[in-house]
């Protein structure tokens, strides 16, 4: 029974040639000494089923195969060939080799696509960060205000008499220095808020130390406790331990 080829099942003349080469189990370079040309021409009997553009591609390849075969059958003196110039045979073999690589790559891509379709991915879930909280349990704004008022009262700036004209060296304080100062004190254990200040603190010292305290609270490097509104504020190292119910 004759092997019937339908041209519509091929993507073009190169696809058909590769099919014939594969069926004959020969190397691409051996197509000119095999029956591939005859088989290709026999397949042209189905040319009427193709549109004009596709049919012209198959016919152009048939003409190339016939030209190559006639060159091999008819004796002719060797013609000098320019260096680097491809013969029709070399050009066809190159095109077939490149097309086969393209087909193999396309097949691998389809395999990857099928494998990807079998994988069901899960959309990433959003895990919002918990709202930033300060360790201020047991302490109110009134408590903080009262503590600052007590310290400022020690400065005695409000009721201090007008000083005589004299030159006073101004102390400078930075939040970074005060953070280091509080951290150093906390290494030896809990401390009261009033212990952070010098014996005769100035307003700048009070305000800067208070801002440094708030910064350490924000960073979670200490937490504070106060039993009653007017009690001194106790500073404890680290974050407040929380225990879940249950």
C-alpha atoms as a PDB file:
ATOM      1  CA  UNK A   1       0.000   0.000   0.000  1.00  0.00           C
ATOM      2  CA  UNK A   2       1.455   3.366  -1.023  1.00  0.00           C
ATOM      3  CA  UNK A   3       2.274   5.859   1.687  1.00  0.00           C
ATOM      4  CA  UNK A   4      -0.030   8.827   1.164  1.00  0.00           C
ATOM      5  CA  UNK A   5       1.171  12.288   2.198  1.00  0.00           C
ATOM      6  CA  UNK A   6      -1.170  15.196   2.727  1.00  0.00           C
ATOM      7  CA  UNK A   7       0.695  18.473   2.361  1.00  0.00           C
ATOM      8  CA  UNK A   8      -1.703  20.330   4.658  1.00  0.00           C
ATOM      9  CA  UNK A   9      -0.267  18.529   7.649  1.00  0.00           C
ATOM     10  CA  UNK A  10       3.133  20.147   7.117  1.00  0.00           C
ATOM     11  CA  UNK A  11       4.162  23.699   7.916  1.00  0.00           C
ATOM     12  CA  UNK A  12       6.145  24.046   4.709  1.00  0.00           C
ATOM     13  CA  UNK A  13       8.562  22.313   2.346  1.00  0.00           C
ATOM     14  CA  UNK A  14      11.319  22.059   4.943  1.00  0.00           C
ATOM     15  CA  UNK A  15       8.881  20.403   7.330  1.00  0.00           C
ATOM     16  CA  UNK A  16       7.986  17.864   4.651  1.00  0.00           C
ATOM     17  CA  UNK A  17      11.643  17.148   3.859  1.00  0.00           C
ATOM     18  CA  UNK A  18      12.444  16.592   7.521  1.00  0.00           C
ATOM     19  CA  UNK A  19       9.512  14.198   7.747  1.00  0.00           C
ATOM     20  CA  UNK A  20      10.767  12.206   4.763  1.00  0.00           C
ATOM     21  CA  UNK A  21      14.329  12.165   6.116  1.00  0.00           C
ATOM     22  CA  UNK A  22      13.097  10.956   9.508  1.00  0.00           C
ATOM     23  CA  UNK A  23      10.932   8.261   7.939  1.00  0.00           C
ATOM     24  CA  UNK A  24      13.849   7.049   5.807  1.00  0.00           C
ATOM     25  CA  UNK A  25      16.171   7.192   8.832  1.00  0.00           C
ATOM     26  CA  UNK A  26      18.974   8.888   6.942  1.00  0.00           C
ATOM     27  CA  UNK A  27      21.267  11.800   7.659  1.00  0.00           C
ATOM     28  CA  UNK A  28      20.364  15.212   6.305  1.00  0.00           C
ATOM     29  CA  UNK A  29      23.559  15.246   4.236  1.00  0.00           C
ATOM     30  CA  UNK A  30      22.502  12.044   2.422  1.00  0.00           C
ATOM     31  CA  UNK A  31      19.256  13.359   0.957  1.00  0.00           C
ATOM     32  CA  UNK A  32      20.805  13.827  -2.490  1.00  0.00           C
ATOM     33  CA  UNK A  33      21.795  10.144  -2.816  1.00  0.00           C
ATOM     34  CA  UNK A  34      18.476   8.782  -1.599  1.00  0.00           C
ATOM     35  CA  UNK A  35      14.906   8.607  -2.832  1.00  0.00           C
ATOM     36  CA  UNK A  36      13.857  11.680  -0.854  1.00  0.00           C
ATOM     37  CA  UNK A  37      13.594  13.815  -3.999  1.00  0.00           C
ATOM     38  CA  UNK A  38      11.278  11.311  -5.697  1.00  0.00           C
ATOM     39  CA  UNK A  39       9.144  11.015  -2.570  1.00  0.00           C
ATOM     40  CA  UNK A  40       8.932  14.777  -2.325  1.00  0.00           C
ATOM     41  CA  UNK A  41       7.845  15.083  -5.953  1.00  0.00           C
ATOM     42  CA  UNK A  42       5.235  12.364  -5.464  1.00  0.00           C
ATOM     43  CA  UNK A  43       3.773  14.377  -2.622  1.00  0.00           C
ATOM     44  CA  UNK A  44       3.285  17.265  -5.034  1.00  0.00           C
ATOM     45  CA  UNK A  45       0.225  15.416  -6.353  1.00  0.00           C
ATOM     46  CA  UNK A  46      -1.636  16.973  -3.427  1.00  0.00           C
ATOM     47  CA  UNK A  47      -0.534  20.496  -4.381  1.00  0.00           C
ATOM     48  CA  UNK A  48      -4.034  21.484  -5.509  1.00  0.00           C
ATOM     49  CA  UNK A  49      -5.258  21.337  -1.895  1.00  0.00           C
ATOM     50  CA  UNK A  50      -3.039  24.269  -0.911  1.00  0.00           C
ATOM     51  CA  UNK A  51      -3.471  27.992  -1.303  1.00  0.00           C
ATOM     52  CA  UNK A  52      -1.360  29.784  -3.896  1.00  0.00           C
ATOM     53  CA  UNK A  53       1.313  31.130  -1.513  1.00  0.00           C
ATOM     54  CA  UNK A  54       1.884  27.810   0.249  1.00  0.00           C
ATOM     55  CA  UNK A  55       1.851  25.866  -3.013  1.00  0.00           C
ATOM     56  CA  UNK A  56       4.508  28.187  -4.461  1.00  0.00           C
ATOM     57  CA  UNK A  57       6.798  27.413  -1.509  1.00  0.00           C
ATOM     58  CA  UNK A  58       6.502  23.658  -2.110  1.00  0.00           C
ATOM     59  CA  UNK A  59       7.031  24.121  -5.848  1.00  0.00           C
ATOM     60  CA  UNK A  60      10.125  26.284  -5.284  1.00  0.00           C
ATOM     61  CA  UNK A  61      11.635  23.554  -3.121  1.00  0.00           C
ATOM     62  CA  UNK A  62      10.794  20.938  -5.758  1.00  0.00           C
ATOM     63  CA  UNK A  63      12.627  23.033  -8.367  1.00  0.00           C
ATOM     64  CA  UNK A  64      15.650  23.281  -6.045  1.00  0.00           C
ATOM     65  CA  UNK A  65      15.708  19.520  -5.508  1.00  0.00           C
ATOM     66  CA  UNK A  66      15.447  18.862  -9.251  1.00  0.00           C
ATOM     67  CA  UNK A  67      18.255  21.314  -9.974  1.00  0.00           C
ATOM     68  CA  UNK A  68      20.516  19.678  -7.419  1.00  0.00           C
ATOM     69  CA  UNK A  69      19.714  16.202  -8.715  1.00  0.00           C
ATOM     70  CA  UNK A  70      20.330  17.199 -12.334  1.00  0.00           C
ATOM     71  CA  UNK A  71      23.671  18.738 -11.373  1.00  0.00           C
ATOM     72  CA  UNK A  72      24.631  15.420  -9.804  1.00  0.00           C
ATOM     73  CA  UNK A  73      23.504  13.314 -12.799  1.00  0.00           C
ATOM     74  CA  UNK A  74      24.837  15.392 -15.673  1.00  0.00           C
ATOM     75  CA  UNK A  75      28.603  15.444 -16.091  1.00  0.00           C
ATOM     76  CA  UNK A  76      29.919  18.966 -16.277  1.00  0.00           C
ATOM     77  CA  UNK A  77      33.333  20.510 -15.877  1.00  0.00           C
ATOM     78  CA  UNK A  78      34.044  21.816 -12.418  1.00  0.00           C
ATOM     79  CA  UNK A  79      33.378  25.519 -12.119  1.00  0.00           C
ATOM     80  CA  UNK A  80      35.633  27.689  -9.985  1.00  0.00           C
ATOM     81  CA  UNK A  81      33.749  28.701  -6.918  1.00  0.00           C
ATOM     82  CA  UNK A  82      34.327  31.915  -5.044  1.00  0.00           C
ATOM     83  CA  UNK A  83      35.643  31.468  -1.540  1.00  0.00           C
ATOM     84  CA  UNK A  84      32.822  31.391   0.993  1.00  0.00           C
ATOM     85  CA  UNK A  85      30.082  30.968  -1.619  1.00  0.00           C
ATOM     86  CA  UNK A  86      27.473  28.334  -0.791  1.00  0.00           C
ATOM     87  CA  UNK A  87      26.404  25.743  -3.314  1.00  0.00           C
ATOM     88  CA  UNK A  88      22.676  24.971  -3.598  1.00  0.00           C
ATOM     89  CA  UNK A  89      23.347  21.677  -1.818  1.00  0.00           C
ATOM     90  CA  UNK A  90      25.110  23.381   1.082  1.00  0.00           C
ATOM     91  CA  UNK A  91      22.426  26.031   1.337  1.00  0.00           C
ATOM     92  CA  UNK A  92      19.647  23.434   1.502  1.00  0.00           C
ATOM     93  CA  UNK A  93      21.481  21.330   4.093  1.00  0.00           C
ATOM     94  CA  UNK A  94      22.065  24.451   6.198  1.00  0.00           C
ATOM     95  CA  UNK A  95      18.400  25.447   5.995  1.00  0.00           C
ATOM     96  CA  UNK A  96      17.274  21.938   6.931  1.00  0.00           C
ATOM     97  CA  UNK A  97      19.683  21.814   9.881  1.00  0.00           C
ATOM     98  CA  UNK A  98      18.536  25.198  11.174  1.00  0.00           C
ATOM     99  CA  UNK A  99      14.877  24.281  10.718  1.00  0.00           C
ATOM    100  CA  UNK A 100      15.346  21.011  12.595  1.00  0.00           C
ATOM    101  CA  UNK A 101      16.909  22.895  15.511  1.00  0.00           C
ATOM    102  CA  UNK A 102      13.962  25.286  15.453  1.00  0.00           C
ATOM    103  CA  UNK A 103      11.497  22.376  15.492  1.00  0.00           C
ATOM    104  CA  UNK A 104      13.290  20.700  18.392  1.00  0.00           C
ATOM    105  CA  UNK A 105      13.358  23.941  20.391  1.00  0.00           C
ATOM    106  CA  UNK A 106       9.672  24.534  19.691  1.00  0.00           C
ATOM    107  CA  UNK A 107       8.901  21.010  20.886  1.00  0.00           C
ATOM    108  CA  UNK A 108      10.793  21.605  24.122  1.00  0.00           C
ATOM    109  CA  UNK A 109       8.918  24.849  24.665  1.00  0.00           C
ATOM    110  CA  UNK A 110       5.611  23.013  24.255  1.00  0.00           C
ATOM    111  CA  UNK A 111       6.763  20.443  26.820  1.00  0.00           C
ATOM    112  CA  UNK A 112       7.586  23.247  29.247  1.00  0.00           C
ATOM    113  CA  UNK A 113       4.191  24.827  28.591  1.00  0.00           C
ATOM    114  CA  UNK A 114       2.364  21.559  29.283  1.00  0.00           C
ATOM    115  CA  UNK A 115       4.378  21.066  32.475  1.00  0.00           C
ATOM    116  CA  UNK A 116       3.564  24.608  33.586  1.00  0.00           C
ATOM    117  CA  UNK A 117      -0.144  24.037  32.966  1.00  0.00           C
ATOM    118  CA  UNK A 118      -0.028  21.119  35.400  1.00  0.00           C
ATOM    119  CA  UNK A 119       1.292  23.370  38.162  1.00  0.00           C
ATOM    120  CA  UNK A 120      -1.223  25.340  40.165  1.00  0.00           C
ATOM    121  CA  UNK A 121       0.373  28.329  41.824  1.00  0.00           C
ATOM    122  CA  UNK A 122      -1.062  30.219  44.742  1.00  0.00           C
ATOM    123  CA  UNK A 123      -1.292  33.971  44.689  1.00  0.00           C
ATOM    124  CA  UNK A 124       0.949  35.614  47.282  1.00  0.00           C
ATOM    125  CA  UNK A 125      -0.807  36.486  50.486  1.00  0.00           C
ATOM    126  CA  UNK A 126      -0.383  39.856  52.080  1.00  0.00           C
ATOM    127  CA  UNK A 127       0.788  39.867  55.644  1.00  0.00           C
ATOM    128  CA  UNK A 128       0.505  43.454  56.830  1.00  0.00           C
ATOM    129  CA  UNK A 129       2.912  44.471  59.536  1.00  0.00           C
ATOM    130  CA  UNK A 130       1.301  44.957  62.921  1.00  0.00           C
ATOM    131  CA  UNK A 131       0.739  48.591  63.791  1.00  0.00           C
ATOM    132  CA  UNK A 132       3.694  50.084  65.569  1.00  0.00           C
ATOM    133  CA  UNK A 133       2.957  50.438  69.238  1.00  0.00           C
ATOM    134  CA  UNK A 134       4.840  52.060  72.031  1.00  0.00           C
ATOM    135  CA  UNK A 135       5.330  50.347  75.362  1.00  0.00           C
ATOM    136  CA  UNK A 136       3.144  52.788  77.311  1.00  0.00           C
ATOM    137  CA  UNK A 137       0.834  50.456  79.230  1.00  0.00           C
ATOM    138  CA  UNK A 138      -0.055  51.866  82.635  1.00  0.00           C
ATOM    139  CA  UNK A 139       1.091  55.343  81.630  1.00  0.00           C
ATOM    140  CA  UNK A 140      -1.055  58.256  80.509  1.00  0.00           C
ATOM    141  CA  UNK A 141      -0.326  61.583  78.918  1.00  0.00           C
ATOM    142  CA  UNK A 142      -1.091  63.151  82.272  1.00  0.00           C
ATOM    143  CA  UNK A 143       1.568  60.979  83.861  1.00  0.00           C
ATOM    144  CA  UNK A 144       4.176  61.982  81.313  1.00  0.00           C
ATOM    145  CA  UNK A 145       3.265  65.640  81.634  1.00  0.00           C
ATOM    146  CA  UNK A 146       3.436  65.467  85.424  1.00  0.00           C
ATOM    147  CA  UNK A 147       6.860  63.817  85.284  1.00  0.00           C
ATOM    148  CA  UNK A 148       8.212  66.508  83.006  1.00  0.00           C
ATOM    149  CA  UNK A 149       6.704  69.219  85.191  1.00  0.00           C
ATOM    150  CA  UNK A 150       8.450  67.799  88.236  1.00  0.00           C
ATOM    151  CA  UNK A 151      11.798  67.751  86.483  1.00  0.00           C
ATOM    152  CA  UNK A 152      11.363  71.232  85.083  1.00  0.00           C
ATOM    153  CA  UNK A 153      10.431  72.462  88.528  1.00  0.00           C
ATOM    154  CA  UNK A 154      13.893  71.410  89.646  1.00  0.00           C
ATOM    155  CA  UNK A 155      15.374  73.623  86.970  1.00  0.00           C
ATOM    156  CA  UNK A 156      13.702  76.583  88.694  1.00  0.00           C
ATOM    157  CA  UNK A 157      13.562  78.595  85.529  1.00  0.00           C
ATOM    158  CA  UNK A 158      10.028  79.848  86.020  1.00  0.00           C
ATOM    159  CA  UNK A 159      10.574  81.579  89.370  1.00  0.00           C
ATOM    160  CA  UNK A 160      14.263  82.255  89.106  1.00  0.00           C
ATOM    161  CA  UNK A 161      15.224  85.922  89.677  1.00  0.00           C
ATOM    162  CA  UNK A 162      16.718  87.807  86.801  1.00  0.00           C
ATOM    163  CA  UNK A 163      20.374  86.971  86.822  1.00  0.00           C
ATOM    164  CA  UNK A 164      23.045  89.614  86.892  1.00  0.00           C
ATOM    165  CA  UNK A 165      24.927  90.132  83.705  1.00  0.00           C
ATOM    166  CA  UNK A 166      27.500  87.413  83.475  1.00  0.00           C
ATOM    167  CA  UNK A 167      28.872  84.934  80.971  1.00  0.00           C
ATOM    168  CA  UNK A 168      27.536  81.376  81.258  1.00  0.00           C
ATOM    169  CA  UNK A 169      28.861  78.426  79.271  1.00  0.00           C
ATOM    170  CA  UNK A 170      25.965  76.740  77.497  1.00  0.00           C
ATOM    171  CA  UNK A 171      25.827  72.948  77.685  1.00  0.00           C
ATOM    172  CA  UNK A 172      24.895  71.207  74.447  1.00  0.00           C
ATOM    173  CA  UNK A 173      22.909  67.988  74.376  1.00  0.00           C
ATOM    174  CA  UNK A 174      22.078  65.710  71.469  1.00  0.00           C
ATOM    175  CA  UNK A 175      19.481  62.967  71.266  1.00  0.00           C
ATOM    176  CA  UNK A 176      22.166  60.462  70.210  1.00  0.00           C
ATOM    177  CA  UNK A 177      24.261  61.211  73.290  1.00  0.00           C
ATOM    178  CA  UNK A 178      21.244  60.982  75.551  1.00  0.00           C
ATOM    179  CA  UNK A 179      20.186  57.661  73.978  1.00  0.00           C
ATOM    180  CA  UNK A 180      23.659  56.309  74.732  1.00  0.00           C
ATOM    181  CA  UNK A 181      23.462  57.714  78.253  1.00  0.00           C
ATOM    182  CA  UNK A 182      20.108  56.057  78.983  1.00  0.00           C
ATOM    183  CA  UNK A 183      21.233  52.768  77.391  1.00  0.00           C
ATOM    184  CA  UNK A 184      24.365  52.751  79.549  1.00  0.00           C
ATOM    185  CA  UNK A 185      22.273  53.317  82.680  1.00  0.00           C
ATOM    186  CA  UNK A 186      19.795  50.560  81.722  1.00  0.00           C
ATOM    187  CA  UNK A 187      22.584  47.974  81.501  1.00  0.00           C
ATOM    188  CA  UNK A 188      22.651  47.880  85.281  1.00  0.00           C
ATOM    189  CA  UNK A 189      18.902  47.270  85.511  1.00  0.00           C
ATOM    190  CA  UNK A 190      15.658  49.242  85.864  1.00  0.00           C
ATOM    191  CA  UNK A 191      15.869  52.939  86.648  1.00  0.00           C
ATOM    192  CA  UNK A 192      13.501  55.717  87.567  1.00  0.00           C
ATOM    193  CA  UNK A 193      12.950  58.587  85.180  1.00  0.00           C
ATOM    194  CA  UNK A 194      14.317  61.140  87.649  1.00  0.00           C
ATOM    195  CA  UNK A 195      17.576  59.197  87.986  1.00  0.00           C
ATOM    196  CA  UNK A 196      18.520  60.052  84.416  1.00  0.00           C
ATOM    197  CA  UNK A 197      19.158  63.720  85.122  1.00  0.00           C
ATOM    198  CA  UNK A 198      22.048  65.502  86.708  1.00  0.00           C
ATOM    199  CA  UNK A 199      21.656  67.115  90.128  1.00  0.00           C
ATOM    200  CA  UNK A 200      20.916  70.530  88.637  1.00  0.00           C
ATOM    201  CA  UNK A 201      19.574  69.840  85.140  1.00  0.00           C
ATOM    202  CA  UNK A 202      18.974  72.608  82.658  1.00  0.00           C
ATOM    203  CA  UNK A 203      15.937  72.821  80.415  1.00  0.00           C
ATOM    204  CA  UNK A 204      17.895  71.538  77.394  1.00  0.00           C
ATOM    205  CA  UNK A 205      18.992  68.462  79.320  1.00  0.00           C
ATOM    206  CA  UNK A 206      15.444  67.675  80.436  1.00  0.00           C
ATOM    207  CA  UNK A 207      13.904  68.071  76.986  1.00  0.00           C
ATOM    208  CA  UNK A 208      16.660  66.204  75.144  1.00  0.00           C
ATOM    209  CA  UNK A 209      16.656  63.284  77.589  1.00  0.00           C
ATOM    210  CA  UNK A 210      12.884  63.065  77.321  1.00  0.00           C
ATOM    211  CA  UNK A 211      13.102  62.920  73.493  1.00  0.00           C
ATOM    212  CA  UNK A 212      15.793  60.236  73.774  1.00  0.00           C
ATOM    213  CA  UNK A 213      13.496  58.265  76.086  1.00  0.00           C
ATOM    214  CA  UNK A 214      10.688  58.418  73.509  1.00  0.00           C
ATOM    215  CA  UNK A 215      13.105  57.237  70.809  1.00  0.00           C
ATOM    216  CA  UNK A 216      14.128  54.204  72.887  1.00  0.00           C
ATOM    217  CA  UNK A 217      10.451  53.436  73.488  1.00  0.00           C
ATOM    218  CA  UNK A 218       9.823  53.599  69.747  1.00  0.00           C
ATOM    219  CA  UNK A 219      12.703  51.213  69.078  1.00  0.00           C
ATOM    220  CA  UNK A 220      11.409  48.792  71.705  1.00  0.00           C
ATOM    221  CA  UNK A 221      14.665  48.880  73.651  1.00  0.00           C
ATOM    222  CA  UNK A 222      12.864  49.682  76.891  1.00  0.00           C
ATOM    223  CA  UNK A 223       9.373  50.016  78.336  1.00  0.00           C
ATOM    224  CA  UNK A 224       7.992  52.076  81.182  1.00  0.00           C
ATOM    225  CA  UNK A 225       5.593  51.578  84.058  1.00  0.00           C
ATOM    226  CA  UNK A 226       3.809  53.924  86.480  1.00  0.00           C
ATOM    227  CA  UNK A 227       1.525  52.860  89.286  1.00  0.00           C
ATOM    228  CA  UNK A 228      -0.232  56.214  89.802  1.00  0.00           C
ATOM    229  CA  UNK A 229      -0.372  59.474  87.886  1.00  0.00           C
ATOM    230  CA  UNK A 230       2.076  61.348  90.113  1.00  0.00           C
ATOM    231  CA  UNK A 231       4.422  58.448  90.815  1.00  0.00           C
ATOM    232  CA  UNK A 232       7.875  58.413  89.326  1.00  0.00           C
ATOM    233  CA  UNK A 233       8.147  56.565  86.005  1.00  0.00           C
ATOM    234  CA  UNK A 234      10.023  53.260  86.106  1.00  0.00           C
ATOM    235  CA  UNK A 235      12.135  52.360  83.062  1.00  0.00           C
ATOM    236  CA  UNK A 236      12.718  48.677  82.313  1.00  0.00           C
ATOM    237  CA  UNK A 237      14.960  47.241  79.571  1.00  0.00           C
ATOM    238  CA  UNK A 238      13.466  45.521  76.504  1.00  0.00           C
ATOM    239  CA  UNK A 239       9.925  45.265  75.240  1.00  0.00           C
ATOM    240  CA  UNK A 240       7.061  44.509  77.580  1.00  0.00           C
ATOM    241  CA  UNK A 241       6.348  40.785  77.635  1.00  0.00           C
ATOM    242  CA  UNK A 242       2.836  39.995  76.451  1.00  0.00           C
ATOM    243  CA  UNK A 243       1.066  36.751  77.252  1.00  0.00           C
ATOM    244  CA  UNK A 244      -1.789  35.499  75.123  1.00  0.00           C
ATOM    245  CA  UNK A 245      -4.943  34.352  76.701  1.00  0.00           C
ATOM    246  CA  UNK A 246      -5.129  30.593  76.856  1.00  0.00           C
END
